[in-house]
PDB file of N, CA and C in Angstrom:
ATOM      1  N   GLN A   1     127.704 106.063 112.618  1.00  0.00           N
ATOM      2  CA  GLN A   1     126.404 106.536 112.169  1.00  0.00           C
ATOM      3  C   GLN A   1     125.526 105.347 111.848  1.00  0.00           C
ATOM      4  N   VAL A   2     124.231 105.455 112.188  1.00  0.00           N
ATOM      5  CA  VAL A   2     123.271 104.392 111.937  1.00  0.00           C
ATOM      6  C   VAL A   2     122.359 104.799 110.785  1.00  0.00           C
ATOM      7  N   ARG A   3     122.111 103.852 109.916  1.00  0.00           N
ATOM      8  CA  ARG A   3     121.196 104.092 108.806  1.00  0.00           C
ATOM      9  C   ARG A   3     119.948 103.246 109.018  1.00  0.00           C
ATOM     10  N   LEU A   4     118.773 103.859 108.845  1.00  0.00           N
ATOM     11  CA  LEU A   4     117.501 103.171 109.051  1.00  0.00           C
ATOM     12  C   LEU A   4     116.708 103.123 107.753  1.00  0.00           C
ATOM     13  N   VAL A   5     116.078 102.000 107.504  1.00  0.00           N
ATOM     14  CA  VAL A   5     115.231 101.857 106.328  1.00  0.00           C
ATOM     15  C   VAL A   5     113.932 101.174 106.742  1.00  0.00           C
ATOM     16  N   GLU A   6     112.808 101.869 106.506  1.00  0.00           N
ATOM     17  CA  GLU A   6     111.499 101.320 106.830  1.00  0.00           C
ATOM     18  C   GLU A   6     110.921 100.571 105.639  1.00  0.00           C
ATOM     19  N   SER A   7     110.050  99.605 105.920  1.00  0.00           N
ATOM     20  CA  SER A   7     109.348  98.873 104.868  1.00  0.00           C
ATOM     21  C   SER A   7     108.074  98.284 105.443  1.00  0.00           C
ATOM     22  N   GLY A   8     107.219  97.777 104.540  1.00  0.00           N
ATOM     23  CA  GLY A   8     106.018  97.085 104.983  1.00  0.00           C
ATOM     24  C   GLY A   8     104.723  97.854 104.821  1.00  0.00           C
ATOM     25  N   GLY A   9     104.819  99.117 104.412  1.00  0.00           N
ATOM     26  CA  GLY A   9     103.603  99.893 104.223  1.00  0.00           C
ATOM     27  C   GLY A   9     102.845  99.457 102.983  1.00  0.00           C
ATOM     28  N   GLY A  10     101.674 100.048 102.791  1.00  0.00           N
ATOM     29  CA  GLY A  10     100.882  99.731 101.613  1.00  0.00           C
ATOM     30  C   GLY A  10      99.491 100.286 101.707  1.00  0.00           C
ATOM     31  N   LEU A  11      98.672  99.915 100.734  1.00  0.00           N
ATOM     32  CA  LEU A  11      97.264 100.304 100.692  1.00  0.00           C
ATOM     33  C   LEU A  11      96.441  99.141 101.224  1.00  0.00           C
ATOM     34  N   VAL A  12      95.707  99.386 102.302  1.00  0.00           N
ATOM     35  CA  VAL A  12      94.914  98.340 102.933  1.00  0.00           C
ATOM     36  C   VAL A  12      93.521  98.864 103.232  1.00  0.00           C
ATOM     37  N   GLN A  13      92.647  97.952 103.629  1.00  0.00           N
ATOM     38  CA  GLN A  13      91.288  98.334 103.995  1.00  0.00           C
ATOM     39  C   GLN A  13      91.164  98.444 105.511  1.00  0.00           C
ATOM     40  N   ALA A  14      90.207  99.214 105.938  1.00  0.00           N
ATOM     41  CA  ALA A  14      89.943  99.344 107.366  1.00  0.00           C
ATOM     42  C   ALA A  14      89.695  97.956 107.970  1.00  0.00           C
ATOM     43  N   GLY A  15      90.308  97.719 109.123  1.00  0.00           N
ATOM     44  CA  GLY A  15      90.177  96.437 109.787  1.00  0.00           C
ATOM     45  C   GLY A  15      91.330  95.488 109.507  1.00  0.00           C
ATOM     46  N   ASP A  16      92.110  95.771 108.474  1.00  0.00           N
ATOM     47  CA  ASP A  16      93.255  94.929 108.139  1.00  0.00           C
ATOM     48  C   ASP A  16      94.393  95.154 109.133  1.00  0.00           C
ATOM     49  N   SER A  17      95.431  94.345 108.975  1.00  0.00           N
ATOM     50  CA  SER A  17      96.639  94.470 109.796  1.00  0.00           C
ATOM     51  C   SER A  17      97.858  94.648 108.898  1.00  0.00           C
ATOM     52  N   LEU A  18      98.876  95.268 109.445  1.00  0.00           N
ATOM     53  CA  LEU A  18     100.144  95.440 108.752  1.00  0.00           C
ATOM     54  C   LEU A  18     101.267  95.279 109.765  1.00  0.00           C
ATOM     55  N   ARG A  19     102.425  94.822 109.281  1.00  0.00           N
ATOM     56  CA  ARG A  19     103.618  94.828 110.113  1.00  0.00           C
ATOM     57  C   ARG A  19     104.679  95.631 109.400  1.00  0.00           C
ATOM     58  N   LEU A  20     105.067  96.722 110.007  1.00  0.00           N
ATOM     59  CA  LEU A  20     106.127  97.552 109.468  1.00  0.00           C
ATOM     60  C   LEU A  20     107.465  97.103 110.048  1.00  0.00           C
ATOM     61  N   SER A  21     108.504  97.249 109.238  1.00  0.00           N
ATOM     62  CA  SER A  21     109.848  96.893 109.681  1.00  0.00           C
ATOM     63  C   SER A  21     110.762  98.100 109.555  1.00  0.00           C
ATOM     64  N   CYS A  22     111.735  98.169 110.436  1.00  0.00           N
ATOM     65  CA  CYS A  22     112.753  99.209 110.385  1.00  0.00           C
ATOM     66  C   CYS A  22     114.098  98.515 110.588  1.00  0.00           C
ATOM     67  N   ALA A  23     114.860  98.413 109.517  1.00  0.00           N
ATOM     68  CA  ALA A  23     116.154  97.744 109.573  1.00  0.00           C
ATOM     69  C   ALA A  23     117.260  98.765 109.810  1.00  0.00           C
ATOM     70  N   ALA A  24     118.122  98.476 110.779  1.00  0.00           N
ATOM     71  CA  ALA A  24     119.223  99.367 111.126  1.00  0.00           C
ATOM     72  C   ALA A  24     120.545  98.777 110.654  1.00  0.00           C
ATOM     73  N   SER A  25     121.406  99.626 110.141  1.00  0.00           N
ATOM     74  CA  SER A  25     122.743  99.202 109.736  1.00  0.00           C
ATOM     75  C   SER A  25     123.747 100.271 110.177  1.00  0.00           C
ATOM     76  N   GLY A  26     125.014  99.883 110.210  1.00  0.00           N
ATOM     77  CA  GLY A  26     126.040 100.822 110.638  1.00  0.00           C
ATOM     78  C   GLY A  26     126.377 100.623 112.102  1.00  0.00           C
ATOM     79  N   ARG A  27     126.561 101.690 112.843  1.00  0.00           N
ATOM     80  CA  ARG A  27     126.994 101.652 114.231  1.00  0.00           C
ATOM     81  C   ARG A  27     125.833 101.347 115.174  1.00  0.00           C
ATOM     82  N   THR A  28     125.216 100.190 114.975  1.00  0.00           N
ATOM     83  CA  THR A  28     124.015  99.840 115.720  1.00  0.00           C
ATOM     84  C   THR A  28     124.290  99.538 117.184  1.00  0.00           C
ATOM     85  N   PHE A  29     125.533  99.273 117.564  1.00  0.00           N
ATOM     86  CA  PHE A  29     125.816  98.931 118.949  1.00  0.00           C
ATOM     87  C   PHE A  29     125.556 100.095 119.879  1.00  0.00           C
ATOM     88  N   SER A  30     125.495 101.298 119.338  1.00  0.00           N
ATOM     89  CA  SER A  30     125.286 102.477 120.171  1.00  0.00           C
ATOM     90  C   SER A  30     123.810 102.819 120.342  1.00  0.00           C
ATOM     91  N   THR A  31     122.925 102.012 119.759  1.00  0.00           N
ATOM     92  CA  THR A  31     121.496 102.316 119.825  1.00  0.00           C
ATOM     93  C   THR A  31     120.943 102.017 121.210  1.00  0.00           C
ATOM     94  N   TYR A  32     120.262 102.964 121.797  1.00  0.00           N
ATOM     95  CA  TYR A  32     119.663 102.761 123.119  1.00  0.00           C
ATOM     96  C   TYR A  32     118.152 102.541 123.025  1.00  0.00           C
ATOM     97  N   ARG A  33     117.507 103.389 122.273  1.00  0.00           N
ATOM     98  CA  ARG A  33     116.053 103.279 122.142  1.00  0.00           C
ATOM     99  C   ARG A  33     115.655 103.663 120.719  1.00  0.00           C
ATOM    100  N   MET A  34     114.702 102.946 120.166  1.00  0.00           N
ATOM    101  CA  MET A  34     114.202 103.258 118.826  1.00  0.00           C
ATOM    102  C   MET A  34     112.713 103.522 118.899  1.00  0.00           C
ATOM    103  N   GLY A  35     112.253 104.357 118.000  1.00  0.00           N
ATOM    104  CA  GLY A  35     110.844 104.723 118.043  1.00  0.00           C
ATOM    105  C   GLY A  35     110.215 104.804 116.665  1.00  0.00           C
ATOM    106  N   TRP A  36     108.913 104.677 116.648  1.00  0.00           N
ATOM    107  CA  TRP A  36     108.104 104.863 115.444  1.00  0.00           C
ATOM    108  C   TRP A  36     107.288 106.150 115.604  1.00  0.00           C
ATOM    109  N   PHE A  37     107.273 106.933 114.550  1.00  0.00           N
ATOM    110  CA  PHE A  37     106.471 108.137 114.476  1.00  0.00           C
ATOM    111  C   PHE A  37     105.671 108.075 113.184  1.00  0.00           C
ATOM    112  N   ARG A  38     104.657 108.922 113.067  1.00  0.00           N
ATOM    113  CA  ARG A  38     103.909 109.001 111.817  1.00  0.00           C
ATOM    114  C   ARG A  38     103.548 110.444 111.524  1.00  0.00           C
ATOM    115  N   GLN A  39     103.376 110.700 110.248  1.00  0.00           N
ATOM    116  CA  GLN A  39     103.031 112.046 109.812  1.00  0.00           C
ATOM    117  C   GLN A  39     101.984 111.966 108.718  1.00  0.00           C
ATOM    118  N   ALA A  40     100.824 112.499 109.017  1.00  0.00           N
ATOM    119  CA  ALA A  40      99.743 112.581 108.039  1.00  0.00           C
ATOM    120  C   ALA A  40      99.852 113.913 107.312  1.00  0.00           C
ATOM    121  N   PRO A  41      99.299 114.012 106.095  1.00  0.00           N
ATOM    122  CA  PRO A  41      99.379 115.263 105.332  1.00  0.00           C
ATOM    123  C   PRO A  41      98.846 116.437 106.131  1.00  0.00           C
ATOM    124  N   GLY A  42      99.641 117.495 106.187  1.00  0.00           N
ATOM    125  CA  GLY A  42      99.227 118.701 106.885  1.00  0.00           C
ATOM    126  C   GLY A  42      99.431 118.663 108.379  1.00  0.00           C
ATOM    127  N   ASN A  43      99.906 117.537 108.895  1.00  0.00           N
ATOM    128  CA  ASN A  43     100.104 117.397 110.341  1.00  0.00           C
ATOM    129  C   ASN A  43     101.589 117.304 110.682  1.00  0.00           C
ATOM    130  N   GLU A  44     101.884 117.537 111.941  1.00  0.00           N
ATOM    131  CA  GLU A  44     103.247 117.342 112.416  1.00  0.00           C
ATOM    132  C   GLU A  44     103.511 115.854 112.632  1.00  0.00           C
ATOM    133  N   ARG A  45     104.789 115.531 112.684  1.00  0.00           N
ATOM    134  CA  ARG A  45     105.167 114.158 112.969  1.00  0.00           C
ATOM    135  C   ARG A  45     104.848 113.856 114.433  1.00  0.00           C
ATOM    136  N   GLU A  46     104.144 112.750 114.678  1.00  0.00           N
ATOM    137  CA  GLU A  46     103.726 112.436 116.040  1.00  0.00           C
ATOM    138  C   GLU A  46     104.279 111.098 116.500  1.00  0.00           C
ATOM    139  N   PHE A  47     104.529 111.014 117.792  1.00  0.00           N
ATOM    140  CA  PHE A  47     105.035 109.790 118.387  1.00  0.00           C
ATOM    141  C   PHE A  47     103.975 108.698 118.348  1.00  0.00           C
ATOM    142  N   VAL A  48     104.421 107.470 118.062  1.00  0.00           N
ATOM    143  CA  VAL A  48     103.522 106.311 118.030  1.00  0.00           C
ATOM    144  C   VAL A  48     103.944 105.287 119.082  1.00  0.00           C
ATOM    145  N   ALA A  49     105.206 104.848 119.008  1.00  0.00           N
ATOM    146  CA  ALA A  49     105.679 103.810 119.928  1.00  0.00           C
ATOM    147  C   ALA A  49     107.197 103.833 119.986  1.00  0.00           C
ATOM    148  N   ALA A  50     107.741 103.322 121.081  1.00  0.00           N
ATOM    149  CA  ALA A  50     109.195 103.238 121.219  1.00  0.00           C
ATOM    150  C   ALA A  50     109.561 102.001 122.026  1.00  0.00           C
ATOM    151  N   ILE A  51     110.782 101.551 121.834  1.00  0.00           N
ATOM    152  CA  ILE A  51     111.261 100.369 122.556  1.00  0.00           C
ATOM    153  C   ILE A  51     112.714 100.581 122.956  1.00  0.00           C
ATOM    154  N   THR A  52     113.035 100.229 124.193  1.00  0.00           N
ATOM    155  CA  THR A  52     114.405 100.285 124.653  1.00  0.00           C
ATOM    156  C   THR A  52     115.116  99.029 124.190  1.00  0.00           C
ATOM    157  N   TRP A  53     116.226  99.227 123.509  1.00  0.00           N
ATOM    158  CA  TRP A  53     116.851  98.102 122.803  1.00  0.00           C
ATOM    159  C   TRP A  53     117.257  96.982 123.746  1.00  0.00           C
ATOM    160  N   GLY A  54     117.874  97.312 124.858  1.00  0.00           N
ATOM    161  CA  GLY A  54     118.390  96.279 125.749  1.00  0.00           C
ATOM    162  C   GLY A  54     117.310  95.598 126.571  1.00  0.00           C
ATOM    163  N   SER A  55     116.480  96.382 127.260  1.00  0.00           N
ATOM    164  CA  SER A  55     115.486  95.819 128.182  1.00  0.00           C
ATOM    165  C   SER A  55     114.222  95.352 127.489  1.00  0.00           C
ATOM    166  N   GLY A  56     113.925  95.922 126.338  1.00  0.00           N
ATOM    167  CA  GLY A  56     112.675  95.615 125.657  1.00  0.00           C
ATOM    168  C   GLY A  56     111.485  96.391 126.185  1.00  0.00           C
ATOM    169  N   ASN A  57     111.713  97.323 127.101  1.00  0.00           N
ATOM    170  CA  ASN A  57     110.602  98.146 127.599  1.00  0.00           C
ATOM    171  C   ASN A  57     109.958  98.907 126.447  1.00  0.00           C
ATOM    172  N   THR A  58     108.643  98.978 126.479  1.00  0.00           N
ATOM    173  CA  THR A  58     107.908  99.615 125.391  1.00  0.00           C
ATOM    174  C   THR A  58     107.090 100.792 125.884  1.00  0.00           C
ATOM    175  N   TYR A  59     106.834 101.723 124.976  1.00  0.00           N
ATOM    176  CA  TYR A  59     106.077 102.936 125.260  1.00  0.00           C
ATOM    177  C   TYR A  59     105.164 103.198 124.069  1.00  0.00           C
ATOM    178  N   TYR A  60     103.933 103.643 124.361  1.00  0.00           N
ATOM    179  CA  TYR A  60     102.955 103.872 123.311  1.00  0.00           C
ATOM    180  C   TYR A  60     102.235 105.197 123.516  1.00  0.00           C
ATOM    181  N   ALA A  61     101.857 105.796 122.391  1.00  0.00           N
ATOM    182  CA  ALA A  61     100.938 106.922 122.451  1.00  0.00           C
ATOM    183  C   ALA A  61      99.570 106.395 122.881  1.00  0.00           C
ATOM    184  N   ASP A  62      98.847 107.182 123.651  1.00  0.00           N
ATOM    185  CA  ASP A  62      97.532 106.743 124.126  1.00  0.00           C
ATOM    186  C   ASP A  62      96.606 106.378 122.969  1.00  0.00           C
ATOM    187  N   SER A  63      96.755 107.084 121.858  1.00  0.00           N
ATOM    188  CA  SER A  63      95.842 106.905 120.734  1.00  0.00           C
ATOM    189  C   SER A  63      96.003 105.551 120.044  1.00  0.00           C
ATOM    190  N   VAL A  64      97.110 104.848 120.302  1.00  0.00           N
ATOM    191  CA  VAL A  64      97.342 103.583 119.592  1.00  0.00           C
ATOM    192  C   VAL A  64      97.421 102.380 120.526  1.00  0.00           C
ATOM    193  N   LYS A  65      97.337 102.616 121.812  1.00  0.00           N
ATOM    194  CA  LYS A  65      97.415 101.504 122.765  1.00  0.00           C
ATOM    195  C   LYS A  65      96.325 100.483 122.476  1.00  0.00           C
ATOM    196  N   GLY A  66      96.719  99.225 122.483  1.00  0.00           N
ATOM    197  CA  GLY A  66      95.778  98.141 122.235  1.00  0.00           C
ATOM    198  C   GLY A  66      95.726  97.700 120.780  1.00  0.00           C
ATOM    199  N   ARG A  67      96.173  98.548 119.856  1.00  0.00           N
ATOM    200  CA  ARG A  67      96.173  98.178 118.429  1.00  0.00           C
ATOM    201  C   ARG A  67      97.575  98.070 117.848  1.00  0.00           C
ATOM    202  N   PHE A  68      98.531  98.799 118.417  1.00  0.00           N
ATOM    203  CA  PHE A  68      99.902  98.809 117.902  1.00  0.00           C
ATOM    204  C   PHE A  68     100.810  98.046 118.872  1.00  0.00           C
ATOM    205  N   THR A  69     101.727  97.286 118.308  1.00  0.00           N
ATOM    206  CA  THR A  69     102.698  96.560 119.126  1.00  0.00           C
ATOM    207  C   THR A  69     104.079  96.747 118.522  1.00  0.00           C
ATOM    208  N   ILE A  70     105.003  97.248 119.321  1.00  0.00           N
ATOM    209  CA  ILE A  70     106.377  97.424 118.876  1.00  0.00           C
ATOM    210  C   ILE A  70     107.219  96.283 119.436  1.00  0.00           C
ATOM    211  N   SER A  71     108.153  95.811 118.631  1.00  0.00           N
ATOM    212  CA  SER A  71     109.045  94.734 119.070  1.00  0.00           C
ATOM    213  C   SER A  71     110.380  94.887 118.352  1.00  0.00           C
ATOM    214  N   ARG A  72     111.376  94.135 118.808  1.00  0.00           N
ATOM    215  CA  ARG A  72     112.665  94.218 118.128  1.00  0.00           C
ATOM    216  C   ARG A  72     113.312  92.844 118.046  1.00  0.00           C
ATOM    217  N   ASP A  73     114.125  92.660 117.009  1.00  0.00           N
ATOM    218  CA  ASP A  73     114.903  91.441 116.818  1.00  0.00           C
ATOM    219  C   ASP A  73     116.361  91.871 116.852  1.00  0.00           C
ATOM    220  N   LYS A  74     117.035  91.556 117.953  1.00  0.00           N
ATOM    221  CA  LYS A  74     118.414  91.996 118.122  1.00  0.00           C
ATOM    222  C   LYS A  74     119.329  91.405 117.061  1.00  0.00           C
ATOM    223  N   ASP A  75     119.098  90.150 116.723  1.00  0.00           N
ATOM    224  CA  ASP A  75     119.982  89.486 115.755  1.00  0.00           C
ATOM    225  C   ASP A  75     119.884  90.133 114.373  1.00  0.00           C
ATOM    226  N   LYS A  76     118.698  90.647 114.042  1.00  0.00           N
ATOM    227  CA  LYS A  76     118.491  91.249 112.724  1.00  0.00           C
ATOM    228  C   LYS A  76     118.609  92.771 112.763  1.00  0.00           C
ATOM    229  N   ASN A  77     118.869  93.330 113.951  1.00  0.00           N
ATOM    230  CA  ASN A  77     118.934  94.795 114.090  1.00  0.00           C
ATOM    231  C   ASN A  77     117.699  95.450 113.473  1.00  0.00           C
ATOM    232  N   THR A  78     116.543  94.894 113.789  1.00  0.00           N
ATOM    233  CA  THR A  78     115.289  95.343 113.181  1.00  0.00           C
ATOM    234  C   THR A  78     114.242  95.580 114.255  1.00  0.00           C
ATOM    235  N   VAL A  79     113.504  96.662 114.089  1.00  0.00           N
ATOM    236  CA  VAL A  79     112.364  96.978 114.942  1.00  0.00           C
ATOM    237  C   VAL A  79     111.093  96.842 114.106  1.00  0.00           C
ATOM    238  N   TYR A  80     110.069  96.290 114.715  1.00  0.00           N
ATOM    239  CA  TYR A  80     108.803  96.059 114.023  1.00  0.00           C
ATOM    240  C   TYR A  80     107.687  96.881 114.672  1.00  0.00           C
ATOM    241  N   LEU A  81     106.682  97.186 113.874  1.00  0.00           N
ATOM    242  CA  LEU A  81     105.466  97.806 114.384  1.00  0.00           C
ATOM    243  C   LEU A  81     104.288  97.043 113.802  1.00  0.00           C
ATOM    244  N   GLN A  82     103.648  96.263 114.639  1.00  0.00           N
ATOM    245  CA  GLN A  82     102.452  95.534 114.244  1.00  0.00           C
ATOM    246  C   GLN A  82     101.244  96.439 114.460  1.00  0.00           C
ATOM    247  N   ILE A  83     100.463  96.624 113.406  1.00  0.00           N
ATOM    248  CA  ILE A  83      99.285  97.488 113.493  1.00  0.00           C
ATOM    249  C   ILE A  83      98.065  96.641 113.178  1.00  0.00           C
ATOM    250  N   ASP A  84      97.170  96.534 114.117  1.00  0.00           N
ATOM    251  CA  ASP A  84      95.941  95.766 113.939  1.00  0.00           C
ATOM    252  C   ASP A  84      94.732  96.690 113.876  1.00  0.00           C
ATOM    253  N   SER A  85      93.646  96.174 113.309  1.00  0.00           N
ATOM    254  CA  SER A  85      92.394  96.932 113.212  1.00  0.00           C
ATOM    255  C   SER A  85      92.644  98.327 112.657  1.00  0.00           C
ATOM    256  N   LEU A  86      93.290  98.379 111.520  1.00  0.00           N
ATOM    257  CA  LEU A  86      93.648  99.660 110.918  1.00  0.00           C
ATOM    258  C   LEU A  86      92.421 100.513 110.652  1.00  0.00           C
ATOM    259  N   LYS A  87      92.595 101.816 110.835  1.00  0.00           N
ATOM    260  CA  LYS A  87      91.540 102.801 110.621  1.00  0.00           C
ATOM    261  C   LYS A  87      92.007 103.812 109.584  1.00  0.00           C
ATOM    262  N   PRO A  88      91.065 104.459 108.900  1.00  0.00           N
ATOM    263  CA  PRO A  88      91.479 105.513 107.958  1.00  0.00           C
ATOM    264  C   PRO A  88      92.345 106.580 108.617  1.00  0.00           C
ATOM    265  N   GLY A  89      92.126 106.833 109.888  1.00  0.00           N
ATOM    266  CA  GLY A  89      92.920 107.822 110.617  1.00  0.00           C
ATOM    267  C   GLY A  89      94.365 107.411 110.829  1.00  0.00           C
ATOM    268  N   ASP A  90      94.682 106.148 110.538  1.00  0.00           N
ATOM    269  CA  ASP A  90      96.066 105.689 110.637  1.00  0.00           C
ATOM    270  C   ASP A  90      96.870 106.007 109.379  1.00  0.00           C
ATOM    271  N   THR A  91      96.192 106.522 108.361  1.00  0.00           N
ATOM    272  CA  THR A  91      96.874 106.864 107.120  1.00  0.00           C
ATOM    273  C   THR A  91      97.946 107.924 107.375  1.00  0.00           C
ATOM    274  N   ALA A  92      99.176 107.599 106.994  1.00  0.00           N
ATOM    275  CA  ALA A  92     100.315 108.485 107.257  1.00  0.00           C
ATOM    276  C   ALA A  92     101.572 107.851 106.686  1.00  0.00           C
ATOM    277  N   VAL A  93     102.628 108.646 106.670  1.00  0.00           N
ATOM    278  CA  VAL A  93     103.954 108.081 106.432  1.00  0.00           C
ATOM    279  C   VAL A  93     104.527 107.728 107.804  1.00  0.00           C
ATOM    280  N   TYR A  94     105.000 106.508 107.931  1.00  0.00           N
ATOM    281  CA  TYR A  94     105.542 106.023 109.189  1.00  0.00           C
ATOM    282  C   TYR A  94     107.068 106.031 109.115  1.00  0.00           C
ATOM    283  N   TYR A  95     107.678 106.637 110.133  1.00  0.00           N
ATOM    284  CA  TYR A  95     109.124 106.780 110.202  1.00  0.00           C
ATOM    285  C   TYR A  95     109.655 106.096 111.467  1.00  0.00           C
ATOM    286  N   CYS A  96     110.854 105.580 111.382  1.00  0.00           N
ATOM    287  CA  CYS A  96     111.529 105.143 112.600  1.00  0.00           C
ATOM    288  C   CYS A  96     112.755 106.021 112.830  1.00  0.00           C
ATOM    289  N   GLY A  97     113.102 106.151 114.090  1.00  0.00           N
ATOM    290  CA  GLY A  97     114.232 106.975 114.468  1.00  0.00           C
ATOM    291  C   GLY A  97     114.916 106.417 115.696  1.00  0.00           C
ATOM    292  N   ILE A  98     116.067 106.972 116.012  1.00  0.00           N
ATOM    293  CA  ILE A  98     116.859 106.543 117.162  1.00  0.00           C
ATOM    294  C   ILE A  98     116.891 107.657 118.190  1.00  0.00           C
ATOM    295  N   SER A  99     116.674 107.276 119.443  1.00  0.00           N
ATOM    296  CA  SER A  99     116.693 108.264 120.507  1.00  0.00           C
ATOM    297  C   SER A  99     118.061 108.933 120.610  1.00  0.00           C
ATOM    298  N   LEU A 100     118.052 110.224 120.817  1.00  0.00           N
ATOM    299  CA  LEU A 100     119.283 110.994 120.979  1.00  0.00           C
ATOM    300  C   LEU A 100     119.767 110.964 122.431  1.00  0.00           C
ATOM    301  N   TYR A 101     118.960 110.373 123.327  1.00  0.00           N
ATOM    302  CA  TYR A 101     119.270 110.381 124.744  1.00  0.00           C
ATOM    303  C   TYR A 101     119.381 108.962 125.269  1.00  0.00           C
ATOM    304  N   ILE A 102     120.242 108.798 126.272  1.00  0.00           N
ATOM    305  CA  ILE A 102     120.448 107.501 126.886  1.00  0.00           C
ATOM    306  C   ILE A 102     120.101 107.598 128.365  1.00  0.00           C
ATOM    307  N   GLY A 103     119.268 106.636 128.830  1.00  0.00           N
ATOM    308  CA  GLY A 103     118.941 106.573 130.238  1.00  0.00           C
ATOM    309  C   GLY A 103     117.917 107.596 130.670  1.00  0.00           C
ATOM    310  N   GLY A 104     117.584 107.539 131.952  1.00  0.00           N
ATOM    311  CA  GLY A 104     116.642 108.487 132.520  1.00  0.00           C
ATOM    312  C   GLY A 104     115.228 108.262 132.032  1.00  0.00           C
ATOM    313  N   GLN A 105     114.376 109.215 132.313  1.00  0.00           N
ATOM    314  CA  GLN A 105     113.005 109.124 131.853  1.00  0.00           C
ATOM    315  C   GLN A 105     112.977 109.184 130.324  1.00  0.00           C
ATOM    316  N   PRO A 106     112.134 108.371 129.698  1.00  0.00           N
ATOM    317  CA  PRO A 106     112.094 108.378 128.233  1.00  0.00           C
ATOM    318  C   PRO A 106     111.616 109.707 127.672  1.00  0.00           C
ATOM    319  N   ARG A 107     112.314 110.175 126.669  1.00  0.00           N
ATOM    320  CA  ARG A 107     111.927 111.382 125.951  1.00  0.00           C
ATOM    321  C   ARG A 107     111.359 110.931 124.622  1.00  0.00           C
ATOM    322  N   LEU A 108     110.116 111.283 124.347  1.00  0.00           N
ATOM    323  CA  LEU A 108     109.401 110.662 123.240  1.00  0.00           C
ATOM    324  C   LEU A 108     108.793 111.668 122.276  1.00  0.00           C
ATOM    325  N   THR A 109     109.461 112.780 122.074  1.00  0.00           N
ATOM    326  CA  THR A 109     109.000 113.715 121.064  1.00  0.00           C
ATOM    327  C   THR A 109     109.897 113.621 119.840  1.00  0.00           C
ATOM    328  N   GLU A 110     109.438 114.222 118.749  1.00  0.00           N
ATOM    329  CA  GLU A 110     110.212 114.172 117.511  1.00  0.00           C
ATOM    330  C   GLU A 110     111.620 114.739 117.721  1.00  0.00           C
ATOM    331  N   ALA A 111     111.732 115.778 118.507  1.00  0.00           N
ATOM    332  CA  ALA A 111     113.028 116.424 118.731  1.00  0.00           C
ATOM    333  C   ALA A 111     113.997 115.539 119.498  1.00  0.00           C
ATOM    334  N   ASP A 112     113.488 114.493 120.139  1.00  0.00           N
ATOM    335  CA  ASP A 112     114.323 113.604 120.936  1.00  0.00           C
ATOM    336  C   ASP A 112     114.892 112.446 120.128  1.00  0.00           C
ATOM    337  N   PHE A 113     114.549 112.373 118.860  1.00  0.00           N
ATOM    338  CA  PHE A 113     114.998 111.285 117.995  1.00  0.00           C
ATOM    339  C   PHE A 113     115.711 111.837 116.770  1.00  0.00           C
ATOM    340  N   GLY A 114     116.548 110.980 116.157  1.00  0.00           N
ATOM    341  CA  GLY A 114     117.267 111.371 114.960  1.00  0.00           C
ATOM    342  C   GLY A 114     117.546 110.166 114.092  1.00  0.00           C
ATOM    343  N   SER A 115     118.401 110.361 113.112  1.00  0.00           N
ATOM    344  CA  SER A 115     118.781 109.306 112.148  1.00  0.00           C
ATOM    345  C   SER A 115     117.558 108.716 111.481  1.00  0.00           C
ATOM    346  N   TRP A 116     116.635 109.563 111.111  1.00  0.00           N
ATOM    347  CA  TRP A 116     115.367 109.110 110.542  1.00  0.00           C
ATOM    348  C   TRP A 116     115.557 108.343 109.250  1.00  0.00           C
ATOM    349  N   GLY A 117     114.711 107.322 109.066  1.00  0.00           N
ATOM    350  CA  GLY A 117     114.644 106.647 107.782  1.00  0.00           C
ATOM    351  C   GLY A 117     113.785 107.445 106.820  1.00  0.00           C
ATOM    352  N   PRO A 118     113.689 106.988 105.566  1.00  0.00           N
ATOM    353  CA  PRO A 118     112.902 107.709 104.554  1.00  0.00           C
ATOM    354  C   PRO A 118     111.405 107.560 104.737  1.00  0.00           C
ATOM    355  N   GLY A 119     110.966 106.594 105.551  1.00  0.00           N
ATOM    356  CA  GLY A 119     109.544 106.412 105.816  1.00  0.00           C
ATOM    357  C   GLY A 119     108.900 105.398 104.896  1.00  0.00           C
ATOM    358  N   THR A 120     107.740 104.895 105.331  1.00  0.00           N
ATOM    359  CA  THR A 120     106.938 103.983 104.528  1.00  0.00           C
ATOM    360  C   THR A 120     105.486 104.424 104.610  1.00  0.00           C
ATOM    361  N   GLN A 121     104.828 104.487 103.465  1.00  0.00           N
ATOM    362  CA  GLN A 121     103.460 105.013 103.394  1.00  0.00           C
ATOM    363  C   GLN A 121     102.452 103.930 103.775  1.00  0.00           C
ATOM    364  N   VAL A 122     101.543 104.292 104.666  1.00  0.00           N
ATOM    365  CA  VAL A 122     100.409 103.440 105.007  1.00  0.00           C
ATOM    366  C   VAL A 122      99.140 104.196 104.647  1.00  0.00           C
ATOM    367  N   THR A 123      98.317 103.593 103.806  1.00  0.00           N
ATOM    368  CA  THR A 123      97.064 104.198 103.398  1.00  0.00           C
ATOM    369  C   THR A 123      95.940 103.223 103.707  1.00  0.00           C
ATOM    370  N   VAL A 124      94.971 103.691 104.472  1.00  0.00           N
ATOM    371  CA  VAL A 124      93.862 102.842 104.892  1.00  0.00           C
ATOM    372  C   VAL A 124      92.575 103.371 104.273  1.00  0.00           C
ATOM    373  N   SER A 125      91.935 102.551 103.476  1.00  0.00           N
ATOM    374  CA  SER A 125      90.677 102.946 102.843  1.00  0.00           C
ATOM    375  C   SER A 125      89.502 102.455 103.691  1.00  0.00           C
ATOM    376  N   SER A 126      88.427 103.215 103.645  1.00  0.00           N
ATOM    377  CA  SER A 126      87.247 102.855 104.455  1.00  0.00           C
ATOM    378  C   SER A 126      86.309 101.931 103.704  1.00  0.00           C
TER     379      SER A 126
END
């Protein structure tokens, strides 16, 4: 079993940048793909970005392309989410998860991921 813990959130102003971290522990050798999702109050959890652990291939939601960058550090078993030019609409709890599927076309919905961390709050003031 893999345990995930997110960090790096906070209260920032519009235009600022943040780097979120997701540290994995436990049976990390079985991880194929990791993803970041976010959930704003009253909304469903939505896909933000994902990265394939071995190849480094990345995937992004259209709404965040150009501002969000996902990366991973294999030695630290950590996935990062760099967020630039933050907007009030980015306010949400950000979660990382592990893909339940290996290989094939990437599946990038909430139902396709598991082992969720507790999340980290990002609040962007205007």
